[in-house]
Amino acid sequence: MKQETKTSEKPAQPTLTLDVDLYKHYLDNSDLTEERKQEVLETLWNIVCEFVQMGFNVHPVQQAQQSRSHTVKGEQPHADL
């Protein structure tokens, strides 16, 4: 008889990826080099991802606060910070 082992691992968070080629054309009329265009788009993408993380409580600081709150107060973590 085979026993199944349960793990307490949480499912992986979905990841967002940037396809620079989809957005590069918005910078075609600029004086930026191709490298600089990519850098600008990656920077904007990172800013957007940070806002998404903060809004959906997936930012590491929010997760730590929720985990600590749960441990200290004995309550279930919630989205209100």
C-alpha atoms as a PDB file:
ATOM      1  CA  MET A   1       0.000   0.000   0.000  1.00  0.00           C
ATOM      2  CA  LYS A   2       1.464   3.355  -1.055  1.00  0.00           C
ATOM      3  CA  GLN A   3       1.070   6.331   1.252  1.00  0.00           C
ATOM      4  CA  GLU A   4       0.750   9.818  -0.081  1.00  0.00           C
ATOM      5  CA  THR A   5       2.764  12.478   1.631  1.00  0.00           C
ATOM      6  CA  LYS A   6       1.275  15.906   2.005  1.00  0.00           C
ATOM      7  CA  THR A   7       3.436  18.958   1.776  1.00  0.00           C
ATOM      8  CA  SER A   8       2.680  22.302   3.314  1.00  0.00           C
ATOM      9  CA  GLU A   9       4.044  24.158   0.309  1.00  0.00           C
ATOM     10  CA  LYS A  10       1.905  26.989  -0.970  1.00  0.00           C
ATOM     11  CA  PRO A  11       1.174  27.055  -4.689  1.00  0.00           C
ATOM     12  CA  ALA A  12       3.593  29.240  -6.588  1.00  0.00           C
ATOM     13  CA  GLN A  13       2.479  32.795  -7.224  1.00  0.00           C
ATOM     14  CA  PRO A  14       1.775  33.514 -10.874  1.00  0.00           C
ATOM     15  CA  THR A  15       4.516  35.515 -12.502  1.00  0.00           C
ATOM     16  CA  LEU A  16       4.227  38.373 -14.933  1.00  0.00           C
ATOM     17  CA  THR A  17       6.665  38.597 -17.795  1.00  0.00           C
ATOM     18  CA  LEU A  18       7.468  41.454 -20.109  1.00  0.00           C
ATOM     19  CA  ASP A  19       7.622  41.079 -23.866  1.00  0.00           C
ATOM     20  CA  VAL A  20       9.529  44.213 -24.852  1.00  0.00           C
ATOM     21  CA  ASP A  21       8.702  43.729 -28.524  1.00  0.00           C
ATOM     22  CA  LEU A  22       5.000  44.276 -27.797  1.00  0.00           C
ATOM     23  CA  TYR A  23       5.610  47.769 -26.426  1.00  0.00           C
ATOM     24  CA  LYS A  24       8.805  48.950 -28.111  1.00  0.00           C
ATOM     25  CA  HIS A  25       6.910  50.571 -30.970  1.00  0.00           C
ATOM     26  CA  TYR A  26       5.496  53.184 -28.580  1.00  0.00           C
ATOM     27  CA  LEU A  27       9.005  54.592 -28.318  1.00  0.00           C
ATOM     28  CA  ASP A  28       9.801  54.536 -32.042  1.00  0.00           C
ATOM     29  CA  ASN A  29       9.549  58.323 -32.422  1.00  0.00           C
ATOM     30  CA  SER A  30      11.983  58.931 -29.581  1.00  0.00           C
ATOM     31  CA  ASP A  31      15.720  59.501 -29.802  1.00  0.00           C
ATOM     32  CA  LEU A  32      16.407  56.517 -27.569  1.00  0.00           C
ATOM     33  CA  THR A  33      18.710  53.692 -28.560  1.00  0.00           C
ATOM     34  CA  GLU A  34      17.303  50.163 -28.625  1.00  0.00           C
ATOM     35  CA  GLU A  35      19.084  49.398 -25.353  1.00  0.00           C
ATOM     36  CA  ARG A  36      17.639  52.499 -23.716  1.00  0.00           C
ATOM     37  CA  LYS A  37      14.127  51.672 -24.991  1.00  0.00           C
ATOM     38  CA  GLN A  38      14.392  48.254 -23.416  1.00  0.00           C
ATOM     39  CA  GLU A  39      15.661  49.770 -20.170  1.00  0.00           C
ATOM     40  CA  VAL A  40      12.777  52.272 -20.039  1.00  0.00           C
ATOM     41  CA  LEU A  41      10.196  49.578 -20.708  1.00  0.00           C
ATOM     42  CA  GLU A  42      11.692  47.257 -18.087  1.00  0.00           C
ATOM     43  CA  THR A  43      11.691  50.064 -15.540  1.00  0.00           C
ATOM     44  CA  LEU A  44       8.044  50.901 -16.241  1.00  0.00           C
ATOM     45  CA  TRP A  45       7.183  47.203 -16.098  1.00  0.00           C
ATOM     46  CA  ASN A  46       8.829  46.883 -12.684  1.00  0.00           C
ATOM     47  CA  ILE A  47       6.854  49.862 -11.408  1.00  0.00           C
ATOM     48  CA  VAL A  48       3.601  48.333 -12.650  1.00  0.00           C
ATOM     49  CA  CYS A  49       4.462  44.977 -11.066  1.00  0.00           C
ATOM     50  CA  GLU A  50       5.154  46.656  -7.721  1.00  0.00           C
ATOM     51  CA  PHE A  51       1.724  48.306  -7.774  1.00  0.00           C
ATOM     52  CA  VAL A  52       0.122  44.968  -8.628  1.00  0.00           C
ATOM     53  CA  GLN A  53       1.971  43.258  -5.781  1.00  0.00           C
ATOM     54  CA  MET A  54       0.944  45.941  -3.297  1.00  0.00           C
ATOM     55  CA  GLY A  55      -2.672  45.821  -4.464  1.00  0.00           C
ATOM     56  CA  PHE A  56      -3.028  42.069  -4.212  1.00  0.00           C
ATOM     57  CA  ASN A  57      -1.097  41.496  -0.984  1.00  0.00           C
ATOM     58  CA  VAL A  58       1.651  39.530  -2.682  1.00  0.00           C
ATOM     59  CA  HIS A  59       4.400  41.944  -1.728  1.00  0.00           C
ATOM     60  CA  PRO A  60       6.859  40.240   0.672  1.00  0.00           C
ATOM     61  CA  VAL A  61       6.409  42.947   3.298  1.00  0.00           C
ATOM     62  CA  GLN A  62       2.629  42.457   3.298  1.00  0.00           C
ATOM     63  CA  GLN A  63       3.017  38.701   3.532  1.00  0.00           C
ATOM     64  CA  ALA A  64       5.386  39.084   6.483  1.00  0.00           C
ATOM     65  CA  GLN A  65       3.022  41.495   8.223  1.00  0.00           C
ATOM     66  CA  GLN A  66       0.086  39.156   7.735  1.00  0.00           C
ATOM     67  CA  SER A  67       2.076  36.166   8.927  1.00  0.00           C
ATOM     68  CA  ARG A  68       3.300  38.061  11.990  1.00  0.00           C
ATOM     69  CA  SER A  69      -0.176  39.369  12.751  1.00  0.00           C
ATOM     70  CA  HIS A  70      -1.572  35.862  12.534  1.00  0.00           C
ATOM     71  CA  THR A  71       1.142  34.456  14.804  1.00  0.00           C
ATOM     72  CA  VAL A  72       1.033  37.220  17.411  1.00  0.00           C
ATOM     73  CA  LYS A  73      -2.733  37.705  17.665  1.00  0.00           C
ATOM     74  CA  GLY A  74      -3.834  34.177  16.879  1.00  0.00           C
ATOM     75  CA  GLU A  75      -6.133  35.595  14.183  1.00  0.00           C
ATOM     76  CA  GLN A  76      -6.523  34.783  10.537  1.00  0.00           C
ATOM     77  CA  PRO A  77      -4.546  37.129   8.277  1.00  0.00           C
ATOM     78  CA  HIS A  78      -6.636  39.676   6.391  1.00  0.00           C
ATOM     79  CA  ALA A  79      -6.138  42.077   3.516  1.00  0.00           C
ATOM     80  CA  ASP A  80      -6.726  45.274   5.536  1.00  0.00           C
ATOM     81  CA  LEU A  81      -3.391  46.754   6.547  1.00  0.00           C
END
